[in-house]
Amino acid sequence: MNTKGQLLLVSGLLMSITLIAVSSTITHSVNLGAHQGERHDLTPLISGIESNFPLALEYQVDQDDGAVTLSETFDKTSEDFESLFAIRGISLSFTLTSSVLDSGTYTFVYEYTLSDGTMTITMSKTTVF
């Protein structure tokens, strides 16, 4: 075999090894990226719940105007939020600990659990209005 043929064979072999190494690295990076980063940053979702749920709860209390119990009002509001998050593939569940009406002031103590399938966060909250 002549030297040009050997050189061509060796360069083809090195190119194949390089291609396999680069492909493996890219595949590994893509798989790794699927399990980290912005997909699992629950901060924007938590901010949305923290700022919007109390307002929705207050609105629902005003709409119900004492026609139903506070726990039923809480359940209605939480079901709306849970279904909105479920549409986006996020698990959200609220649990009411206590609800009190005292001299025109409503106090709700509850916790919620938020999960995207990889990360799960449980937060305790008190809302007063």
N, C-alpha and C. Protein backbone atom coordinates (compact mmCIF):
# COMPACT_ATOMS: atom_id res chain seq x y z
N MET A 1 0.84 -1.16 0.00
CA MET A 1 0.00 0.00 0.00
C MET A 1 0.89 1.23 0.00
N ASN A 2 0.52 2.21 -0.75
CA ASN A 2 1.36 3.40 -0.82
C ASN A 2 1.07 4.36 0.34
N THR A 3 1.91 5.33 0.57
CA THR A 3 1.79 6.25 1.71
C THR A 3 0.58 7.16 1.59
N LYS A 4 0.22 7.54 0.36
CA LYS A 4 -0.96 8.39 0.20
C LYS A 4 -2.23 7.64 0.61
N GLY A 5 -2.31 6.36 0.31
CA GLY A 5 -3.47 5.55 0.69
C GLY A 5 -3.55 5.39 2.20
N GLN A 6 -2.38 5.18 2.81
CA GLN A 6 -2.36 5.04 4.28
C GLN A 6 -2.76 6.36 4.95
N LEU A 7 -2.27 7.45 4.42
CA LEU A 7 -2.58 8.77 4.97
C LEU A 7 -4.08 9.05 4.84
N LEU A 8 -4.66 8.69 3.71
CA LEU A 8 -6.09 8.88 3.49
C LEU A 8 -6.90 8.01 4.46
N LEU A 9 -6.48 6.78 4.68
CA LEU A 9 -7.16 5.88 5.59
C LEU A 9 -7.10 6.39 7.04
N VAL A 10 -5.95 6.85 7.48
CA VAL A 10 -5.77 7.36 8.84
C VAL A 10 -6.57 8.65 9.03
N SER A 11 -6.56 9.54 8.04
CA SER A 11 -7.31 10.80 8.18
C SER A 11 -8.82 10.52 8.21
N GLY A 12 -9.28 9.56 7.44
CA GLY A 12 -10.70 9.18 7.48
C GLY A 12 -11.08 8.61 8.83
N LEU A 13 -10.19 7.78 9.40
CA LEU A 13 -10.43 7.21 10.72
C LEU A 13 -10.48 8.30 11.79
N LEU A 14 -9.55 9.25 11.74
CA LEU A 14 -9.53 10.35 12.70
C LEU A 14 -10.78 11.23 12.55
N MET A 15 -11.22 11.45 11.34
CA MET A 15 -12.41 12.24 11.11
C MET A 15 -13.64 11.53 11.69
N SER A 16 -13.72 10.23 11.53
CA SER A 16 -14.84 9.46 12.08
C SER A 16 -14.86 9.53 13.60
N ILE A 17 -13.71 9.40 14.22
CA ILE A 17 -13.61 9.47 15.69
C ILE A 17 -14.01 10.86 16.17
N THR A 18 -13.56 11.90 15.47
CA THR A 18 -13.90 13.27 15.83
C THR A 18 -15.40 13.50 15.71
N LEU A 19 -16.00 13.00 14.65
CA LEU A 19 -17.44 13.15 14.43
C LEU A 19 -18.24 12.46 15.54
N ILE A 20 -17.81 11.27 15.93
CA ILE A 20 -18.48 10.54 17.01
C ILE A 20 -18.35 11.31 18.33
N ALA A 21 -17.17 11.84 18.62
CA ALA A 21 -16.95 12.58 19.87
C ALA A 21 -17.79 13.85 19.91
N VAL A 22 -17.86 14.58 18.80
CA VAL A 22 -18.64 15.81 18.76
C VAL A 22 -20.13 15.50 18.89
N SER A 23 -20.59 14.47 18.21
CA SER A 23 -22.01 14.07 18.30
C SER A 23 -22.38 13.68 19.72
N SER A 24 -21.52 12.92 20.38
CA SER A 24 -21.78 12.51 21.76
C SER A 24 -21.83 13.70 22.69
N THR A 25 -20.94 14.65 22.51
CA THR A 25 -20.91 15.85 23.34
C THR A 25 -22.17 16.68 23.16
N ILE A 26 -22.59 16.85 21.92
CA ILE A 26 -23.80 17.62 21.65
C ILE A 26 -25.02 16.93 22.25
N THR A 27 -25.12 15.63 22.08
CA THR A 27 -26.25 14.87 22.64
C THR A 27 -26.27 14.98 24.15
N HIS A 28 -25.12 14.87 24.78
CA HIS A 28 -25.03 14.98 26.23
C HIS A 28 -25.47 16.38 26.68
N SER A 29 -25.04 17.42 25.99
CA SER A 29 -25.41 18.78 26.35
C SER A 29 -26.91 19.01 26.21
N VAL A 30 -27.49 18.49 25.15
CA VAL A 30 -28.94 18.65 24.95
C VAL A 30 -29.70 17.92 26.04
N ASN A 31 -29.29 16.70 26.38
CA ASN A 31 -29.97 15.96 27.44
C ASN A 31 -29.82 16.64 28.79
N LEU A 32 -28.64 17.16 29.06
CA LEU A 32 -28.39 17.86 30.31
C LEU A 32 -29.23 19.12 30.38
N GLY A 33 -29.34 19.85 29.27
CA GLY A 33 -30.12 21.07 29.23
C GLY A 33 -31.59 20.85 29.43
N ALA A 34 -32.08 19.66 29.15
CA ALA A 34 -33.50 19.35 29.34
C ALA A 34 -33.84 19.21 30.81
N HIS A 35 -32.85 19.11 31.67
CA HIS A 35 -33.11 18.90 33.10
C HIS A 35 -32.62 20.05 33.97
N GLN A 36 -32.38 21.17 33.40
CA GLN A 36 -31.94 22.30 34.21
C GLN A 36 -32.28 23.59 33.50
N GLY A 37 -31.95 24.69 34.15
CA GLY A 37 -32.11 25.98 33.51
C GLY A 37 -33.49 26.57 33.71
N GLU A 38 -33.90 27.35 32.75
CA GLU A 38 -35.11 28.15 32.88
C GLU A 38 -36.37 27.31 33.02
N ARG A 39 -36.36 26.12 32.46
CA ARG A 39 -37.54 25.26 32.54
C ARG A 39 -37.91 24.99 34.00
N HIS A 40 -36.93 24.93 34.87
CA HIS A 40 -37.18 24.61 36.25
C HIS A 40 -37.06 25.83 37.17
N ASP A 41 -37.08 27.00 36.59
CA ASP A 41 -37.08 28.21 37.40
C ASP A 41 -38.52 28.53 37.74
N LEU A 42 -38.94 28.15 38.92
CA LEU A 42 -40.32 28.34 39.33
C LEU A 42 -40.59 29.74 39.88
N THR A 43 -39.56 30.58 39.93
CA THR A 43 -39.70 31.92 40.49
C THR A 43 -40.78 32.75 39.79
N PRO A 44 -40.83 32.79 38.46
CA PRO A 44 -41.91 33.58 37.83
C PRO A 44 -43.30 33.05 38.16
N LEU A 45 -43.43 31.74 38.29
CA LEU A 45 -44.72 31.16 38.63
C LEU A 45 -45.11 31.52 40.06
N ILE A 46 -44.15 31.45 40.97
CA ILE A 46 -44.40 31.81 42.36
C ILE A 46 -44.79 33.29 42.45
N SER A 47 -44.07 34.14 41.73
CA SER A 47 -44.39 35.57 41.72
C SER A 47 -45.81 35.81 41.22
N GLY A 48 -46.21 35.07 40.19
CA GLY A 48 -47.56 35.20 39.65
C GLY A 48 -48.61 34.80 40.67
N ILE A 49 -48.37 33.72 41.37
CA ILE A 49 -49.31 33.27 42.40
C ILE A 49 -49.36 34.28 43.55
N GLU A 50 -48.19 34.71 44.01
CA GLU A 50 -48.11 35.63 45.15
C GLU A 50 -48.82 36.96 44.87
N SER A 51 -48.72 37.44 43.64
CA SER A 51 -49.32 38.74 43.34
C SER A 51 -50.78 38.63 42.88
N ASN A 52 -51.18 37.53 42.27
CA ASN A 52 -52.52 37.44 41.70
C ASN A 52 -53.52 36.66 42.53
N PHE A 53 -53.09 35.65 43.25
CA PHE A 53 -54.04 34.84 44.01
C PHE A 53 -54.76 35.65 45.08
N PRO A 54 -54.07 36.46 45.90
CA PRO A 54 -54.80 37.25 46.90
C PRO A 54 -55.83 38.20 46.27
N LEU A 55 -55.49 38.79 45.13
CA LEU A 55 -56.44 39.67 44.45
C LEU A 55 -57.65 38.90 43.95
N ALA A 56 -57.42 37.73 43.39
CA ALA A 56 -58.52 36.89 42.91
C ALA A 56 -59.40 36.44 44.07
N LEU A 57 -58.77 36.12 45.19
CA LEU A 57 -59.51 35.70 46.37
C LEU A 57 -60.37 36.85 46.90
N GLU A 58 -59.80 38.03 46.97
CA GLU A 58 -60.56 39.21 47.42
C GLU A 58 -61.73 39.49 46.47
N TYR A 59 -61.49 39.38 45.18
CA TYR A 59 -62.56 39.60 44.20
C TYR A 59 -63.67 38.57 44.39
N GLN A 60 -63.30 37.30 44.59
CA GLN A 60 -64.31 36.25 44.76
C GLN A 60 -65.11 36.45 46.04
N VAL A 61 -64.46 36.91 47.12
CA VAL A 61 -65.17 37.20 48.37
C VAL A 61 -66.20 38.30 48.12
N ASP A 62 -65.80 39.35 47.38
CA ASP A 62 -66.73 40.44 47.06
C ASP A 62 -67.89 39.93 46.21
N GLN A 63 -67.61 39.07 45.26
CA GLN A 63 -68.65 38.54 44.38
C GLN A 63 -69.63 37.66 45.13
N ASP A 64 -69.12 36.84 46.04
CA ASP A 64 -69.98 35.93 46.79
C ASP A 64 -70.82 36.68 47.83
N ASP A 65 -70.29 37.78 48.34
CA ASP A 65 -71.01 38.68 49.25
C ASP A 65 -71.70 37.95 50.39
N GLY A 66 -70.99 36.97 50.98
CA GLY A 66 -71.51 36.25 52.13
C GLY A 66 -72.50 35.15 51.81
N ALA A 67 -72.76 34.91 50.53
CA ALA A 67 -73.74 33.89 50.14
C ALA A 67 -73.21 32.47 50.37
N VAL A 68 -71.91 32.31 50.37
CA VAL A 68 -71.30 31.00 50.60
C VAL A 68 -70.23 31.16 51.69
N THR A 69 -69.77 30.03 52.23
CA THR A 69 -68.75 30.09 53.28
C THR A 69 -67.41 30.54 52.70
N LEU A 70 -66.55 31.00 53.60
CA LEU A 70 -65.22 31.43 53.16
C LEU A 70 -64.42 30.27 52.58
N SER A 71 -64.59 29.08 53.12
CA SER A 71 -63.85 27.93 52.59
C SER A 71 -64.32 27.59 51.17
N GLU A 72 -65.62 27.75 50.89
CA GLU A 72 -66.12 27.51 49.53
C GLU A 72 -65.58 28.56 48.56
N THR A 73 -65.50 29.80 49.03
CA THR A 73 -64.93 30.87 48.20
C THR A 73 -63.47 30.57 47.90
N PHE A 74 -62.73 30.13 48.91
CA PHE A 74 -61.33 29.78 48.71
C PHE A 74 -61.21 28.62 47.73
N ASP A 75 -62.05 27.60 47.89
CA ASP A 75 -62.00 26.44 47.00
C ASP A 75 -62.26 26.84 45.55
N LYS A 76 -63.24 27.72 45.33
CA LYS A 76 -63.56 28.17 43.96
C LYS A 76 -62.36 28.88 43.34
N THR A 77 -61.76 29.79 44.09
CA THR A 77 -60.62 30.56 43.58
C THR A 77 -59.42 29.64 43.32
N SER A 78 -59.15 28.75 44.25
CA SER A 78 -58.00 27.86 44.09
C SER A 78 -58.20 26.90 42.91
N GLU A 79 -59.41 26.42 42.71
CA GLU A 79 -59.69 25.54 41.57
C GLU A 79 -59.41 26.26 40.24
N ASP A 80 -59.79 27.53 40.17
CA ASP A 80 -59.52 28.31 38.95
C ASP A 80 -58.02 28.39 38.69
N PHE A 81 -57.25 28.69 39.72
CA PHE A 81 -55.81 28.79 39.56
C PHE A 81 -55.19 27.43 39.20
N GLU A 82 -55.63 26.39 39.89
CA GLU A 82 -55.08 25.05 39.64
C GLU A 82 -55.33 24.62 38.20
N SER A 83 -56.51 24.92 37.67
CA SER A 83 -56.80 24.52 36.28
C SER A 83 -55.99 25.34 35.28
N LEU A 84 -55.77 26.61 35.57
CA LEU A 84 -54.94 27.43 34.67
C LEU A 84 -53.51 26.91 34.61
N PHE A 85 -52.97 26.49 35.73
CA PHE A 85 -51.61 25.96 35.75
C PHE A 85 -51.56 24.57 35.13
N ALA A 86 -52.60 23.77 35.32
CA ALA A 86 -52.63 22.42 34.74
C ALA A 86 -52.59 22.48 33.21
N ILE A 87 -53.22 23.49 32.64
CA ILE A 87 -53.20 23.66 31.18
C ILE A 87 -51.76 23.82 30.69
N ARG A 88 -50.91 24.45 31.50
CA ARG A 88 -49.51 24.68 31.14
C ARG A 88 -48.60 23.52 31.57
N GLY A 89 -49.18 22.46 32.14
CA GLY A 89 -48.39 21.31 32.54
C GLY A 89 -47.72 21.45 33.89
N ILE A 90 -48.20 22.39 34.69
CA ILE A 90 -47.65 22.64 36.02
C ILE A 90 -48.67 22.20 37.05
N SER A 91 -48.21 21.45 38.04
CA SER A 91 -49.10 21.00 39.11
C SER A 91 -49.14 22.05 40.21
N LEU A 92 -50.33 22.47 40.57
CA LEU A 92 -50.52 23.45 41.63
C LEU A 92 -51.69 22.99 42.48
N SER A 93 -51.50 22.97 43.80
CA SER A 93 -52.61 22.62 44.69
C SER A 93 -52.57 23.51 45.93
N PHE A 94 -53.73 23.99 46.32
CA PHE A 94 -53.89 24.85 47.48
C PHE A 94 -54.55 24.05 48.61
N THR A 95 -54.14 24.35 49.84
CA THR A 95 -54.75 23.77 51.01
C THR A 95 -55.06 24.89 52.00
N LEU A 96 -56.33 25.04 52.32
CA LEU A 96 -56.75 26.08 53.27
C LEU A 96 -56.55 25.57 54.69
N THR A 97 -55.82 26.35 55.48
CA THR A 97 -55.61 26.02 56.89
C THR A 97 -56.70 26.65 57.75
N SER A 98 -56.94 27.95 57.52
CA SER A 98 -58.02 28.63 58.26
C SER A 98 -58.49 29.85 57.49
N SER A 99 -59.74 30.23 57.75
CA SER A 99 -60.30 31.45 57.16
C SER A 99 -61.19 32.09 58.22
N VAL A 100 -60.99 33.41 58.41
CA VAL A 100 -61.69 34.12 59.48
C VAL A 100 -62.17 35.46 58.97
N LEU A 101 -63.39 35.82 59.35
CA LEU A 101 -63.91 37.17 59.13
C LEU A 101 -64.05 37.81 60.50
N ASP A 102 -63.29 38.89 60.73
CA ASP A 102 -63.31 39.55 62.03
C ASP A 102 -63.41 41.06 61.81
N SER A 103 -64.54 41.64 62.16
CA SER A 103 -64.77 43.09 62.04
C SER A 103 -64.52 43.60 60.63
N GLY A 104 -64.98 42.86 59.65
CA GLY A 104 -64.83 43.29 58.26
C GLY A 104 -63.49 42.97 57.64
N THR A 105 -62.60 42.32 58.37
CA THR A 105 -61.28 41.94 57.86
C THR A 105 -61.25 40.43 57.63
N TYR A 106 -60.91 40.07 56.41
CA TYR A 106 -60.82 38.65 56.06
C TYR A 106 -59.36 38.19 56.19
N THR A 107 -59.17 37.04 56.81
CA THR A 107 -57.84 36.47 56.95
C THR A 107 -57.89 35.02 56.47
N PHE A 108 -57.06 34.71 55.50
CA PHE A 108 -56.94 33.35 54.96
C PHE A 108 -55.52 32.87 55.22
N VAL A 109 -55.39 31.71 55.84
CA VAL A 109 -54.09 31.07 56.04
C VAL A 109 -54.13 29.79 55.21
N TYR A 110 -53.17 29.67 54.30
CA TYR A 110 -53.18 28.53 53.38
C TYR A 110 -51.76 28.20 52.96
N GLU A 111 -51.62 27.09 52.31
CA GLU A 111 -50.34 26.75 51.69
C GLU A 111 -50.62 26.23 50.29
N TYR A 112 -49.64 26.38 49.45
CA TYR A 112 -49.77 25.84 48.10
C TYR A 112 -48.51 25.09 47.73
N THR A 113 -48.71 24.08 46.89
CA THR A 113 -47.61 23.26 46.41
C THR A 113 -47.56 23.40 44.90
N LEU A 114 -46.39 23.74 44.40
CA LEU A 114 -46.16 23.97 42.98
C LEU A 114 -45.10 22.99 42.49
N SER A 115 -45.37 22.31 41.38
CA SER A 115 -44.42 21.32 40.87
C SER A 115 -44.43 21.32 39.35
N ASP A 116 -43.24 21.20 38.76
CA ASP A 116 -43.15 21.06 37.31
C ASP A 116 -42.75 19.65 36.92
N GLY A 117 -42.80 18.72 37.86
CA GLY A 117 -42.44 17.34 37.59
C GLY A 117 -41.03 17.00 38.02
N THR A 118 -40.19 18.01 38.15
CA THR A 118 -38.82 17.81 38.60
C THR A 118 -38.60 18.48 39.94
N MET A 119 -39.08 19.71 40.05
CA MET A 119 -38.94 20.47 41.30
C MET A 119 -40.31 20.65 41.92
N THR A 120 -40.36 20.57 43.24
CA THR A 120 -41.61 20.80 43.98
C THR A 120 -41.33 21.78 45.11
N ILE A 121 -42.20 22.78 45.22
CA ILE A 121 -42.04 23.81 46.25
C ILE A 121 -43.36 23.94 46.98
N THR A 122 -43.31 24.00 48.31
CA THR A 122 -44.49 24.24 49.13
C THR A 122 -44.28 25.54 49.89
N MET A 123 -45.27 26.43 49.79
CA MET A 123 -45.19 27.73 50.43
C MET A 123 -46.39 27.92 51.35
N SER A 124 -46.16 28.52 52.51
CA SER A 124 -47.24 28.88 53.43
C SER A 124 -47.49 30.38 53.33
N LYS A 125 -48.77 30.76 53.30
CA LYS A 125 -49.11 32.16 53.11
C LYS A 125 -50.26 32.56 54.02
N THR A 126 -50.28 33.85 54.35
CA THR A 126 -51.41 34.45 55.03
C THR A 126 -51.82 35.68 54.23
N THR A 127 -53.10 35.75 53.89
CA THR A 127 -53.62 36.87 53.13
C THR A 127 -54.67 37.57 53.97
N VAL A 128 -54.51 38.88 54.12
CA VAL A 128 -55.44 39.69 54.89
C VAL A 128 -55.91 40.83 54.03
N PHE A 129 -57.22 41.04 53.99
CA PHE A 129 -57.77 42.21 53.27
C PHE A 129 -59.05 42.66 53.92
